[in-house]
C-alpha atoms as a PDB file:
ATOM      1  CA  MET A   1       0.056   0.080  -0.202  1.00  0.00           C
ATOM      2  CA  GLU A   2       1.190   3.319  -1.226  1.00  0.00           C
ATOM      3  CA  ASN A   3       1.724   6.018   1.246  1.00  0.00           C
ATOM      4  CA  LYS A   4      -0.678   8.982   0.859  1.00  0.00           C
ATOM      5  CA  ALA A   5       1.123  12.068  -1.130  1.00  0.00           C
ATOM      6  CA  ILE A   6       0.557  15.225   0.997  1.00  0.00           C
ATOM      7  CA  SER A   7      -1.297  17.818  -0.656  1.00  0.00           C
ATOM      8  CA  ASP A   8       0.848  21.158  -2.802  1.00  0.00           C
ATOM      9  CA  THR A   9      -1.600  23.669  -1.517  1.00  0.00           C
ATOM     10  CA  PRO A  10      -3.521  25.235   1.256  1.00  0.00           C
ATOM     11  CA  GLU A  11      -6.535  24.761  -0.831  1.00  0.00           C
ATOM     12  CA  ASP A  12      -5.979  20.834  -1.884  1.00  0.00           C
ATOM     13  CA  ARG A  13      -5.478  20.594   1.993  1.00  0.00           C
ATOM     14  CA  LEU A  14      -8.829  22.230   2.833  1.00  0.00           C
ATOM     15  CA  LYS A  15     -10.868  19.940   0.669  1.00  0.00           C
ATOM     16  CA  GLU A  16      -9.442  16.684   2.330  1.00  0.00           C
ATOM     17  CA  ALA A  17      -9.727  18.617   5.598  1.00  0.00           C
ATOM     18  CA  ALA A  18     -13.924  19.217   4.484  1.00  0.00           C
ATOM     19  CA  GLU A  19     -14.503  15.237   3.077  1.00  0.00           C
ATOM     20  CA  LEU A  20     -12.579  13.745   6.082  1.00  0.00           C
ATOM     21  CA  GLU A  21     -14.821  15.450   7.935  1.00  0.00           C
ATOM     22  CA  ARG A  22     -17.913  14.113   6.398  1.00  0.00           C
ATOM     23  CA  ARG A  23     -16.696  10.811   6.499  1.00  0.00           C
ATOM     24  CA  ILE A  24     -16.105  11.362  10.458  1.00  0.00           C
ATOM     25  CA  ALA A  25     -19.991  13.214  10.696  1.00  0.00           C
ATOM     26  CA  LYS A  26     -21.777   9.906   8.428  1.00  0.00           C
ATOM     27  CA  LEU A  27     -19.558   7.775  10.641  1.00  0.00           C
ATOM     28  CA  ARG A  28     -20.938   9.492  13.951  1.00  0.00           C
ATOM     29  CA  ARG A  29     -24.387   8.271  12.850  1.00  0.00           C
ATOM     30  CA  SER A  30     -23.596   5.161  11.976  1.00  0.00           C
ATOM     31  CA  PRO A  31     -20.000   3.561  13.292  1.00  0.00           C
ATOM     32  CA  ARG A  32     -19.668   0.542  11.054  1.00  0.00           C
ATOM     33  CA  LEU A  33     -16.699  -1.075  11.772  1.00  0.00           C
ATOM     34  CA  GLY A  34     -15.647  -2.342   8.540  1.00  0.00           C
ATOM     35  CA  ARG A  35     -16.372   1.493   7.309  1.00  0.00           C
ATOM     36  CA  LEU A  36     -14.433   2.489  10.362  1.00  0.00           C
ATOM     37  CA  PHE A  37     -11.576   0.280   9.738  1.00  0.00           C
ATOM     38  CA  LYS A  38     -11.145   1.928   6.022  1.00  0.00           C
ATOM     39  CA  LEU A  39     -11.185   5.213   7.764  1.00  0.00           C
ATOM     40  CA  TYR A  40      -7.859   4.152  10.090  1.00  0.00           C
ATOM     41  CA  ILE A  41      -6.393   1.876   7.147  1.00  0.00           C
ATOM     42  CA  ASP A  42      -6.339   5.687   5.073  1.00  0.00           C
ATOM     43  CA  ASN A  43      -4.910   7.534   7.450  1.00  0.00           C
ATOM     44  CA  CYS A  44      -2.207   4.780   8.889  1.00  0.00           C
ATOM     45  CA  SER A  45      -1.002   4.549   5.171  1.00  0.00           C
ATOM     46  CA  GLY A  46       0.575   8.183   5.487  1.00  0.00           C
ATOM     47  CA  VAL A  47       2.487   7.101   8.576  1.00  0.00           C
ATOM     48  CA  LEU A  48       2.683   3.120   9.077  1.00  0.00           C
ATOM     49  CA  LYS A  49       5.050   1.441   6.925  1.00  0.00           C
ATOM     50  CA  GLY A  50       2.849   0.118   3.847  1.00  0.00           C
ATOM     51  CA  ALA A  51       3.488  -4.174   4.896  1.00  0.00           C
ATOM     52  CA  SER A  52       1.969  -2.870   7.827  1.00  0.00           C
ATOM     53  CA  CYS A  53      -0.878  -1.338   6.364  1.00  0.00           C
ATOM     54  CA  GLN A  54      -0.911  -4.359   4.263  1.00  0.00           C
ATOM     55  CA  ARG A  55      -0.859  -6.621   7.046  1.00  0.00           C
ATOM     56  CA  LEU A  56      -3.434  -5.382   8.829  1.00  0.00           C
ATOM     57  CA  THR A  57      -5.734  -5.424   5.680  1.00  0.00           C
ATOM     58  CA  GLU A  58      -5.085  -9.086   5.430  1.00  0.00           C
ATOM     59  CA  LEU A  59      -6.022  -9.597   8.885  1.00  0.00           C
ATOM     60  CA  TRP A  60      -9.503  -7.755   8.587  1.00  0.00           C
ATOM     61  CA  CYS A  61     -10.730  -9.205   5.343  1.00  0.00           C
ATOM     62  CA  ARG A  62      -9.625 -12.947   6.888  1.00  0.00           C
ATOM     63  CA  HIS A  63     -11.244 -12.792   9.888  1.00  0.00           C
ATOM     64  CA  MET A  64     -13.885  -9.835  10.712  1.00  0.00           C
ATOM     65  CA  GLY A  65     -16.408 -10.632   8.228  1.00  0.00           C
ATOM     66  CA  PRO A  66     -18.748 -11.607  10.826  1.00  0.00           C
ATOM     67  CA  ALA A  67     -18.202  -8.341  12.564  1.00  0.00           C
ATOM     68  CA  GLU A  68     -18.077  -5.782   9.795  1.00  0.00           C
ATOM     69  CA  GLU A  69     -21.296  -4.683  10.091  1.00  0.00           C
ATOM     70  CA  LEU A  70     -21.302  -4.066  13.333  1.00  0.00           C
ATOM     71  CA  ARG A  71     -22.064  -0.699  15.296  1.00  0.00           C
ATOM     72  CA  ALA A  72     -18.355   0.213  17.153  1.00  0.00           C
ATOM     73  CA  ASP A  73     -20.660   2.082  19.703  1.00  0.00           C
ATOM     74  CA  ARG A  74     -22.656  -1.029  20.669  1.00  0.00           C
ATOM     75  CA  ILE A  75     -19.893  -4.117  20.673  1.00  0.00           C
ATOM     76  CA  SER A  76     -18.174  -5.410  23.672  1.00  0.00           C
ATOM     77  CA  PRO A  77     -15.062  -7.603  24.158  1.00  0.00           C
ATOM     78  CA  LEU A  78     -17.131 -10.836  24.760  1.00  0.00           C
ATOM     79  CA  ILE A  79     -19.001  -9.688  21.110  1.00  0.00           C
ATOM     80  CA  ILE A  80     -15.605  -9.996  19.335  1.00  0.00           C
ATOM     81  CA  GLN A  81     -14.744 -13.018  21.233  1.00  0.00           C
ATOM     82  CA  GLU A  82     -17.540 -15.159  20.688  1.00  0.00           C
ATOM     83  CA  LEU A  83     -17.988 -13.978  16.994  1.00  0.00           C
ATOM     84  CA  VAL A  84     -14.430 -13.753  15.691  1.00  0.00           C
ATOM     85  CA  LEU A  85     -11.637 -14.693  18.603  1.00  0.00           C
ATOM     86  CA  ARG A  86     -13.155 -18.196  19.393  1.00  0.00           C
ATOM     87  CA  GLN A  87     -12.963 -19.620  15.801  1.00  0.00           C
ATOM     88  CA  ILE A  88      -9.329 -18.280  15.748  1.00  0.00           C
ATOM     89  CA  PHE A  89      -8.531 -19.887  18.919  1.00  0.00           C
ATOM     90  CA  ALA A  90     -10.206 -23.359  17.866  1.00  0.00           C
ATOM     91  CA  GLU A  91      -8.021 -23.337  14.444  1.00  0.00           C
ATOM     92  CA  ARG A  92      -5.019 -23.015  16.992  1.00  0.00           C
ATOM     93  CA  LYS A  93      -3.877 -19.585  15.012  1.00  0.00           C
ATOM     94  CA  TYR A  94      -2.744 -18.297  18.296  1.00  0.00           C
ATOM     95  CA  ALA A  95      -0.279 -15.690  16.816  1.00  0.00           C
ATOM     96  CA  THR A  96      -3.415 -14.380  14.717  1.00  0.00           C
ATOM     97  CA  GLY A  97      -5.734 -13.829  17.712  1.00  0.00           C
ATOM     98  CA  VAL A  98      -2.754 -12.056  19.560  1.00  0.00           C
ATOM     99  CA  MET A  99      -2.223  -9.388  16.596  1.00  0.00           C
ATOM    100  CA  LEU A 100      -6.145  -8.985  15.986  1.00  0.00           C
ATOM    101  CA  SER A 101      -6.680  -8.531  19.665  1.00  0.00           C
ATOM    102  CA  SER A 102      -3.881  -5.689  20.054  1.00  0.00           C
ATOM    103  CA  ALA A 103      -5.169  -3.984  16.518  1.00  0.00           C
ATOM    104  CA  LEU A 104      -9.118  -3.977  17.452  1.00  0.00           C
ATOM    105  CA  PRO A 105      -8.779  -1.541  20.446  1.00  0.00           C
ATOM    106  CA  ARG A 106      -6.061   0.803  18.180  1.00  0.00           C
ATOM    107  CA  LEU A 107      -8.846   1.091  15.650  1.00  0.00           C
ATOM    108  CA  THR A 108     -11.318   2.044  18.411  1.00  0.00           C
ATOM    109  CA  ALA A 109      -9.075   4.044  20.125  1.00  0.00           C
ATOM    110  CA  PHE A 110      -8.771   5.364  16.532  1.00  0.00           C
ATOM    111  CA  ALA A 111     -12.593   6.324  16.868  1.00  0.00           C
ATOM    112  CA  VAL A 112     -12.570   7.973  19.828  1.00  0.00           C
ATOM    113  CA  ALA A 113      -9.714  10.474  19.165  1.00  0.00           C
ATOM    114  CA  ALA A 114     -11.289  11.136  15.842  1.00  0.00           C
ATOM    115  CA  GLY A 115     -14.447  11.702  17.934  1.00  0.00           C
ATOM    116  CA  ILE A 116     -16.669   9.134  16.015  1.00  0.00           C
ATOM    117  CA  LEU A 117     -16.918   7.526  19.668  1.00  0.00           C
ATOM    118  CA  LYS A 118     -17.283   8.949  23.505  1.00  0.00           C
ATOM    119  CA  SER A 119     -15.435   5.996  24.951  1.00  0.00           C
ATOM    120  CA  ASP A 120     -13.442   3.018  23.436  1.00  0.00           C
ATOM    121  CA  PRO A 121     -15.530  -0.442  23.837  1.00  0.00           C
ATOM    122  CA  LEU A 122     -12.677  -2.487  23.411  1.00  0.00           C
ATOM    123  CA  ALA A 123     -10.318  -1.026  25.957  1.00  0.00           C
ATOM    124  CA  THR A 124     -10.050  -4.503  27.829  1.00  0.00           C
ATOM    125  CA  LEU A 125     -10.186  -6.628  25.424  1.00  0.00           C
ATOM    126  CA  LYS A 126      -7.214  -8.107  26.019  1.00  0.00           C
ATOM    127  CA  GLU A 127      -8.373  -8.852  29.913  1.00  0.00           C
ATOM    128  CA  LEU A 128     -10.098 -11.489  28.310  1.00  0.00           C
ATOM    129  CA  PRO A 129      -8.957 -14.973  29.801  1.00  0.00           C
ATOM    130  CA  LEU A 130      -9.079 -16.048  26.119  1.00  0.00           C
ATOM    131  CA  VAL A 131      -7.186 -13.896  24.813  1.00  0.00           C
ATOM    132  CA  LYS A 132      -4.848 -14.410  27.737  1.00  0.00           C
ATOM    133  CA  ARG A 133      -4.683 -17.422  26.907  1.00  0.00           C
ATOM    134  CA  MET A 134      -4.094 -17.039  23.152  1.00  0.00           C
ATOM    135  CA  LYS A 135      -0.763 -14.956  23.974  1.00  0.00           C
ATOM    136  CA  ARG A 136       0.722 -17.617  26.661  1.00  0.00           C
ATOM    137  CA  LYS A 137       0.102 -20.163  23.191  1.00  0.00           C
ATOM    138  CA  ALA A 138       1.598 -17.938  21.015  1.00  0.00           C
ATOM    139  CA  ASP A 139       4.725 -17.219  23.535  1.00  0.00           C
ATOM    140  CA  GLU A 140       5.089 -20.989  23.818  1.00  0.00           C
ATOM    141  CA  HIS A 141       5.010 -21.915  20.366  1.00  0.00           C
ATOM    142  CA  ALA A 142       7.547 -19.037  19.658  1.00  0.00           C
ATOM    143  CA  LEU A 143       9.835 -20.459  22.012  1.00  0.00           C
ATOM    144  CA  HIS A 144       9.408 -23.812  20.486  1.00  0.00           C
ATOM    145  CA  ARG A 145      10.279 -23.792  16.570  1.00  0.00           C
ATOM    146  CA  PRO A 146      12.004 -27.065  16.300  1.00  0.00           C
ATOM    147  CA  THR A 147      15.249 -26.496  14.696  1.00  0.00           C
ATOM    148  CA  PHE A 148      18.732 -27.601  15.189  1.00  0.00           C
ATOM    149  CA  SER A 149      21.482 -27.881  18.294  1.00  0.00           C
ATOM    150  CA  HIS A 150      24.315 -25.847  16.736  1.00  0.00           C
ATOM    151  CA  SER A 151      26.634 -28.852  18.291  1.00  0.00           C
ATOM    152  CA  ARG A 152      25.364 -30.870  16.010  1.00  0.00           C
ATOM    153  CA  LEU A 153      24.732 -28.512  12.889  1.00  0.00           C
ATOM    154  CA  ASP A 154      27.699 -29.850  10.711  1.00  0.00           C
ATOM    155  CA  SER A 155      26.313 -33.545  10.830  1.00  0.00           C
ATOM    156  CA  GLU A 156      22.830 -32.529  11.045  1.00  0.00           C
ATOM    157  CA  LEU A 157      23.099 -30.204   8.264  1.00  0.00           C
ATOM    158  CA  LYS A 158      24.888 -32.733   5.776  1.00  0.00           C
ATOM    159  CA  LYS A 159      21.899 -35.068   6.800  1.00  0.00           C
ATOM    160  CA  LEU A 160      19.552 -33.324   5.682  1.00  0.00           C
ATOM    161  CA  ALA A 161      21.260 -32.098   2.297  1.00  0.00           C
ATOM    162  CA  ARG A 162      21.683 -35.321   1.755  1.00  0.00           C
ATOM    163  CA  ILE A 163      18.194 -36.443   2.154  1.00  0.00           C
ATOM    164  CA  PHE A 164      16.253 -33.605   0.222  1.00  0.00           C
ATOM    165  CA  ARG A 165      19.023 -34.634  -2.495  1.00  0.00           C
ATOM    166  CA  GLU A 166      17.729 -38.187  -2.792  1.00  0.00           C
ATOM    167  CA  LYS A 167      13.988 -37.815  -1.451  1.00  0.00           C
ATOM    168  CA  GLY A 168      13.430 -34.655  -2.220  1.00  0.00           C
ATOM    169  CA  SER A 169      11.956 -33.317  -5.622  1.00  0.00           C
ATOM    170  CA  ASP A 170      13.777 -30.304  -7.174  1.00  0.00           C
ATOM    171  CA  ARG A 171      11.830 -27.663  -6.494  1.00  0.00           C
ATOM    172  CA  ARG A 172      12.442 -28.739  -2.813  1.00  0.00           C
ATOM    173  CA  GLN A 173      15.855 -28.898  -2.957  1.00  0.00           C
ATOM    174  CA  ALA A 174      15.957 -25.731  -4.194  1.00  0.00           C
ATOM    175  CA  LEU A 175      13.941 -23.735  -1.681  1.00  0.00           C
ATOM    176  CA  LEU A 176      15.399 -25.318   0.909  1.00  0.00           C
ATOM    177  CA  GLU A 177      18.774 -24.018  -0.505  1.00  0.00           C
ATOM    178  CA  LEU A 178      17.373 -20.595  -0.484  1.00  0.00           C
ATOM    179  CA  SER A 179      15.906 -20.528   2.484  1.00  0.00           C
ATOM    180  CA  LEU A 180      19.198 -21.519   3.902  1.00  0.00           C
ATOM    181  CA  ARG A 181      21.182 -18.770   2.129  1.00  0.00           C
ATOM    182  CA  LEU A 182      18.846 -16.041   2.211  1.00  0.00           C
ATOM    183  CA  LEU A 183      17.486 -16.296   5.815  1.00  0.00           C
ATOM    184  CA  LEU A 184      14.242 -14.545   5.174  1.00  0.00           C
ATOM    185  CA  ARG A 185      11.488 -16.160   7.071  1.00  0.00           C
ATOM    186  CA  PRO A 186       9.197 -18.329   4.435  1.00  0.00           C
ATOM    187  CA  GLY A 187       6.298 -16.357   3.450  1.00  0.00           C
ATOM    188  CA  GLU A 188       8.798 -13.885   2.333  1.00  0.00           C
ATOM    189  CA  THR A 189      11.383 -16.630   0.145  1.00  0.00           C
ATOM    190  CA  VAL A 190       8.388 -18.077  -1.897  1.00  0.00           C
ATOM    191  CA  ALA A 191       7.231 -14.041  -2.873  1.00  0.00           C
ATOM    192  CA  LEU A 192      10.302 -12.999  -4.439  1.00  0.00           C
ATOM    193  CA  ARG A 193      10.440 -11.831  -8.125  1.00  0.00           C
ATOM    194  CA  ILE A 194      13.105 -12.940 -10.343  1.00  0.00           C
ATOM    195  CA  GLY A 195      12.643  -8.817 -11.271  1.00  0.00           C
ATOM    196  CA  ASP A 196      14.082  -7.764  -7.976  1.00  0.00           C
ATOM    197  CA  LEU A 197      17.316  -9.504  -8.311  1.00  0.00           C
ATOM    198  CA  ASP A 198      20.261  -6.839  -9.241  1.00  0.00           C
ATOM    199  CA  LEU A 199      23.041  -8.585 -11.306  1.00  0.00           C
ATOM    200  CA  LYS A 200      24.760  -5.212 -11.372  1.00  0.00           C
ATOM    201  CA  GLU A 201      24.751  -4.176  -7.685  1.00  0.00           C
ATOM    202  CA  HIS A 202      24.731  -7.703  -6.578  1.00  0.00           C
ATOM    203  CA  VAL A 203      21.589  -7.243  -4.548  1.00  0.00           C
ATOM    204  CA  LEU A 204      18.158  -8.819  -4.165  1.00  0.00           C
ATOM    205  CA  ARG A 205      15.115  -5.997  -3.191  1.00  0.00           C
ATOM    206  CA  VAL A 206      12.574  -7.814  -1.168  1.00  0.00           C
ATOM    207  CA  HIS A 207       9.646  -6.043  -1.026  1.00  0.00           C
ATOM    208  CA  MET A 208       7.014  -5.658   1.935  1.00  0.00           C
ATOM    209  CA  THR A 209       8.605  -8.081   4.854  1.00  0.00           C
ATOM    210  CA  LYS A 210       7.069  -8.635   8.062  1.00  0.00           C
ATOM    211  CA  THR A 211       9.292  -5.908   8.917  1.00  0.00           C
ATOM    212  CA  ARG A 212       9.912  -3.091   6.168  1.00  0.00           C
ATOM    213  CA  ASP A 213       8.994  -2.453   2.845  1.00  0.00           C
ATOM    214  CA  LEU A 214      12.007  -2.752   1.310  1.00  0.00           C
ATOM    215  CA  PHE A 215      14.811  -5.171   2.460  1.00  0.00           C
ATOM    216  CA  VAL A 216      18.038  -5.354   0.255  1.00  0.00           C
ATOM    217  CA  ILE A 217      20.344  -8.584   0.716  1.00  0.00           C
ATOM    218  CA  PRO A 218      23.469  -8.986  -0.283  1.00  0.00           C
ATOM    219  CA  THR A 219      24.014 -12.026  -3.205  1.00  0.00           C
ATOM    220  CA  ASP A 220      27.045 -13.472  -5.003  1.00  0.00           C
ATOM    221  CA  GLU A 221      27.453 -15.076  -8.228  1.00  0.00           C
ATOM    222  CA  LYS A 222      26.067 -18.516  -6.667  1.00  0.00           C
ATOM    223  CA  LEU A 223      23.229 -16.929  -5.070  1.00  0.00           C
ATOM    224  CA  GLU A 224      22.214 -15.299  -8.308  1.00  0.00           C
ATOM    225  CA  ALA A 225      22.561 -18.648 -10.465  1.00  0.00           C
ATOM    226  CA  LEU A 226      20.689 -20.225  -7.693  1.00  0.00           C
ATOM    227  CA  LEU A 227      17.810 -18.040  -8.060  1.00  0.00           C
ATOM    228  CA  GLN A 228      17.746 -17.808 -11.844  1.00  0.00           C
ATOM    229  CA  LYS A 229      18.254 -21.418 -12.207  1.00  0.00           C
ATOM    230  CA  ALA A 230      14.837 -21.833  -9.565  1.00  0.00           C
ATOM    231  CA  PHE A 231      12.993 -18.946 -11.984  1.00  0.00           C
ATOM    232  CA  CYS A 232      13.676 -21.305 -14.606  1.00  0.00           C
ATOM    233  CA  ASP A 233      12.861 -24.258 -13.530  1.00  0.00           C
ATOM    234  CA  PHE A 234       9.593 -23.200 -10.713  1.00  0.00           C
ATOM    235  CA  GLY A 235       9.021 -20.039 -12.006  1.00  0.00           C
ATOM    236  CA  SER A 236       6.308 -17.553 -13.611  1.00  0.00           C
ATOM    237  CA  ALA A 237       7.004 -15.733 -16.760  1.00  0.00           C
ATOM    238  CA  THR A 238       4.612 -13.761 -16.568  1.00  0.00           C
ATOM    239  CA  GLU A 239       4.225 -12.714 -13.135  1.00  0.00           C
ATOM    240  CA  GLY A 240       8.221 -13.036 -12.162  1.00  0.00           C
ATOM    241  CA  TRP A 241       7.934 -15.141  -9.216  1.00  0.00           C
ATOM    242  CA  VAL A 242      10.632 -17.132  -8.547  1.00  0.00           C
ATOM    243  CA  PHE A 243       8.732 -19.655  -7.488  1.00  0.00           C
ATOM    244  CA  ARG A 244       5.383 -20.292  -9.079  1.00  0.00           C
ATOM    245  CA  GLY A 245       2.221 -21.743  -7.152  1.00  0.00           C
ATOM    246  CA  VAL A 246       1.303 -25.189  -7.505  1.00  0.00           C
ATOM    247  CA  ARG A 247      -2.651 -24.656  -7.966  1.00  0.00           C
ATOM    248  CA  ASN A 248      -2.633 -21.188  -8.989  1.00  0.00           C
ATOM    249  CA  PRO A 249       0.600 -20.257 -11.348  1.00  0.00           C
ATOM    250  CA  LYS A 250      -0.685 -16.658 -11.130  1.00  0.00           C
ATOM    251  CA  ALA A 251      -0.002 -16.878  -7.631  1.00  0.00           C
ATOM    252  CA  HIS A 252       3.798 -18.118  -5.635  1.00  0.00           C
ATOM    253  CA  LEU A 253       4.155 -20.850  -3.791  1.00  0.00           C
ATOM    254  CA  SER A 254       2.560 -21.729  -0.207  1.00  0.00           C
ATOM    255  CA  ALA A 255       4.544 -20.586   2.337  1.00  0.00           C
ATOM    256  CA  GLN A 256       3.851 -24.009   4.097  1.00  0.00           C
ATOM    257  CA  THR A 257       5.659 -25.599   1.102  1.00  0.00           C
ATOM    258  CA  LEU A 258       8.783 -26.401   2.732  1.00  0.00           C
ATOM    259  CA  ASN A 259       6.874 -27.301   6.014  1.00  0.00           C
ATOM    260  CA  LYS A 260       5.298 -29.841   4.371  1.00  0.00           C
ATOM    261  CA  ALA A 261       8.360 -31.241   2.798  1.00  0.00           C
ATOM    262  CA  LEU A 262      10.321 -31.605   5.713  1.00  0.00           C
ATOM    263  CA  LYS A 263       7.358 -33.401   7.769  1.00  0.00           C
ATOM    264  CA  SER A 264       7.326 -35.742   4.971  1.00  0.00           C
ATOM    265  CA  LEU A 265      10.477 -36.170   4.772  1.00  0.00           C
ATOM    266  CA  GLY A 266      10.791 -37.137   8.325  1.00  0.00           C
ATOM    267  CA  TYR A 267      11.329 -33.728  10.212  1.00  0.00           C
ATOM    268  CA  LYS A 268       8.553 -33.180  12.509  1.00  0.00           C
ATOM    269  CA  GLY A 269       9.411 -31.969  15.610  1.00  0.00           C
ATOM    270  CA  VAL A 270      13.061 -31.886  14.435  1.00  0.00           C
ATOM    271  CA  LEU A 271      13.051 -28.523  12.015  1.00  0.00           C
ATOM    272  CA  CYS A 272      10.612 -26.396  10.880  1.00  0.00           C
ATOM    273  CA  ALA A 273      10.907 -23.817   7.961  1.00  0.00           C
ATOM    274  CA  HIS A 274      10.912 -20.664  10.248  1.00  0.00           C
ATOM    275  CA  GLY A 275      13.812 -22.681  12.403  1.00  0.00           C
ATOM    276  CA  ILE A 276      15.752 -22.353   9.711  1.00  0.00           C
ATOM    277  CA  ARG A 277      17.053 -18.518  10.859  1.00  0.00           C
ATOM    278  CA  ALA A 278      17.282 -19.780  13.849  1.00  0.00           C
ATOM    279  CA  ILE A 279      20.009 -22.006  12.295  1.00  0.00           C
ATOM    280  CA  GLY A 280      21.822 -18.600  10.941  1.00  0.00           C
ATOM    281  CA  SER A 281      21.239 -16.858  14.110  1.00  0.00           C
ATOM    282  CA  ASN A 282      22.869 -19.555  16.394  1.00  0.00           C
ATOM    283  CA  TRP A 283      25.571 -19.950  13.907  1.00  0.00           C
ATOM    284  CA  PHE A 284      26.324 -16.125  13.516  1.00  0.00           C
ATOM    285  CA  ALA A 285      25.998 -16.101  17.249  1.00  0.00           C
ATOM    286  CA  HIS A 286      29.030 -18.709  17.426  1.00  0.00           C
ATOM    287  CA  HIS A 287      30.890 -16.479  15.551  1.00  0.00           C
ATOM    288  CA  SER A 288      30.129 -13.005  16.950  1.00  0.00           C
ATOM    289  CA  ARG A 289      34.367 -12.308  17.221  1.00  0.00           C
ATOM    290  CA  VAL A 290      33.897 -11.409  13.186  1.00  0.00           C
ATOM    291  CA  VAL A 291      30.104 -10.961  12.841  1.00  0.00           C
ATOM    292  CA  PRO A 292      28.809  -8.798  15.672  1.00  0.00           C
ATOM    293  CA  PRO A 293      25.408  -9.052  17.144  1.00  0.00           C
ATOM    294  CA  TYR A 294      23.824  -5.853  15.461  1.00  0.00           C
ATOM    295  CA  VAL A 295      24.822  -7.480  12.134  1.00  0.00           C
ATOM    296  CA  ARG A 296      23.229 -10.756  13.003  1.00  0.00           C
ATOM    297  CA  GLU A 297      20.296  -9.015  14.070  1.00  0.00           C
ATOM    298  CA  SER A 298      20.160  -6.649  10.951  1.00  0.00           C
ATOM    299  CA  VAL A 299      20.520  -9.635   8.756  1.00  0.00           C
ATOM    300  CA  LEU A 300      17.409 -11.433  10.183  1.00  0.00           C
ATOM    301  CA  GLN A 301      15.265  -8.036   9.535  1.00  0.00           C
ATOM    302  CA  HIS A 302      15.605  -7.598  13.489  1.00  0.00           C
ATOM    303  CA  ALA A 303      15.294  -4.309  15.373  1.00  0.00           C
ATOM    304  CA  VAL A 304      18.915  -3.124  16.274  1.00  0.00           C
ATOM    305  CA  SER A 305      19.168  -0.921  19.045  1.00  0.00           C
ATOM    306  CA  GLY A 306      22.526   1.195  20.087  1.00  0.00           C
ATOM    307  CA  THR A 307      24.009   4.741  19.742  1.00  0.00           C
ATOM    308  CA  ASP A 308      25.572   3.422  16.589  1.00  0.00           C
ATOM    309  CA  THR A 309      22.302   2.808  14.651  1.00  0.00           C
ATOM    310  CA  ALA A 310      20.709   6.402  14.816  1.00  0.00           C
ATOM    311  CA  TYR A 311      23.614   7.259  11.985  1.00  0.00           C
ATOM    312  CA  ARG A 312      23.199   4.721  10.135  1.00  0.00           C
ATOM    313  CA  HIS A 313      20.474   5.130   7.840  1.00  0.00           C
ATOM    314  CA  ASP A 314      21.822   5.153   4.913  1.00  0.00           C
ATOM    315  CA  ASP A 315      23.325   1.549   4.024  1.00  0.00           C
ATOM    316  CA  ASP A 316      21.375  -0.754   6.947  1.00  0.00           C
ATOM    317  CA  TYR A 317      24.552  -2.356   7.154  1.00  0.00           C
ATOM    318  CA  LEU A 318      24.672  -3.712   3.708  1.00  0.00           C
ATOM    319  CA  LEU A 319      28.731  -3.463   3.793  1.00  0.00           C
ATOM    320  CA  GLN A 320      28.883  -5.864   7.196  1.00  0.00           C
ATOM    321  CA  ARG A 321      26.295  -7.643   6.369  1.00  0.00           C
ATOM    322  CA  ARG A 322      27.796  -8.986   2.674  1.00  0.00           C
ATOM    323  CA  GLN A 323      31.079  -9.834   4.852  1.00  0.00           C
ATOM    324  CA  ALA A 324      28.575 -12.034   6.898  1.00  0.00           C
ATOM    325  CA  MET A 325      26.859 -13.404   4.843  1.00  0.00           C
ATOM    326  CA  LYS A 326      30.224 -14.189   2.630  1.00  0.00           C
ATOM    327  CA  LEU A 327      31.232 -16.599   5.699  1.00  0.00           C
ATOM    328  CA  TRP A 328      27.589 -18.396   6.226  1.00  0.00           C
ATOM    329  CA  TRP A 329      27.114 -18.958   2.306  1.00  0.00           C
ATOM    330  CA  ARG A 330      31.201 -20.634   2.683  1.00  0.00           C
ATOM    331  CA  TYR A 331      29.906 -22.418   6.387  1.00  0.00           C
ATOM    332  CA  LEU A 332      26.797 -23.731   3.809  1.00  0.00           C
ATOM    333  CA  ASP A 333      28.894 -24.804   0.175  1.00  0.00           C
ATOM    334  CA  LYS A 334      30.268 -27.544   2.601  1.00  0.00           C
ATOM    335  CA  PHE A 335      26.889 -29.245   2.019  1.00  0.00           C
ATOM    336  CA  PHE A 336      25.344 -27.936  -0.795  1.00  0.00           C
ATOM    337  CA  ASP A 337      28.559 -28.010  -3.117  1.00  0.00           C
ATOM    338  CA  LYS A 338      26.627 -29.632  -6.450  1.00  0.00           C
ATOM    339  CA  GLU A 339      27.230 -27.114  -9.566  1.00  0.00           C
ATOM    340  CA  VAL A 340      23.620 -25.018 -10.383  1.00  0.00           C
END
C-alpha cells in the first residue's frame, strides 16, 4: 500500500479536511466497524510502513467478516470474542488472535480520538481470559519452534542436504537451499520475484517483509545463479515469481511448502521452516568475534538498538551484512556443493 501524498496547496488541504469531516460525520451516525477500519487504514497509510498496513488489511479481511456490519458503539469484548476470537482459538492460530486483539483496541481508540465514539468499547479486550491464553500459547509456540542444535549442526545439515537430494523434488531442494542462504521468513522466500535481482549491484530487493517495506540482501554469483535457475525451472514468466504456485500459477508458492516437505521427509518436531532462521542466528552468534550482534540482527531484519544505529540509516549495514553473509555462504557450500 502506497503512502498517501501530502497535498501541495492550502486549498487542496482544505478540501481534503472537508471530505474527512464528512466521512467522520457519517460514521458518527452509523459507526460500522468495516467503514471505521477503512478510515483508520486510510489515515495509517501516511504513517505506518506499507507492509504493516498490508498485514492489518489481510488480517481484517480473513477474520473480521462476521463483525464488519456491527456498530462500534454497541460492541463489547465478549461480542468480539464470540464472533471472531473463539474461532481463531479453535483453529490454533494463537499468534493471529494476539495480533487481532491488539489491533482492534487501536481501531476503537482511533475512533475516540477522531470524535466518532465517546468512549473506547474494546479498551479491556486484552483482559479476556481467552486472549491471555492465546498470548501464552503464542509465546510457547515461538519458544519451541524446532531447529537444529548448534553442537550437531555440521552433521545435521549434511544429513538434511543428503535427504533432500535423495528423496526431495528439485523444487524442494531449491527452496531449502535458498531458504538457508537468504535467511528470510518462509513467506518472504516464496514471494521472491526475479525482477528484484540486481546483477549489477549484486543485491536482491525484497518488498513488503514482516518488518520493512524494502529489505536489500547482498548476493554473490552462486546465489544469483541459484535464483535464476529456480526461476527458469519453477518460476512464472508472466508474474515474475521465482517459485510459482502449484495450484494457481499466477500466485507464488505456498509459504507452507517447505514445512510440508520437512514433515514428509521425517523432520516433524525436529526442524520447521522458520527454524532455519534460528540455525543462521545461532551460527552467527557462535562467530560473534567476526559477526557482531548488531550485524546478525540486521541480517534477520530484527530491530537493532544502540547509539551507533541512530546514524546508520543510509546503508542498513549492507557492507557488514555482505561480509557476514559471505562467511555463512562459505559454510553452506560444504553441504550444497552441487554445481548449479
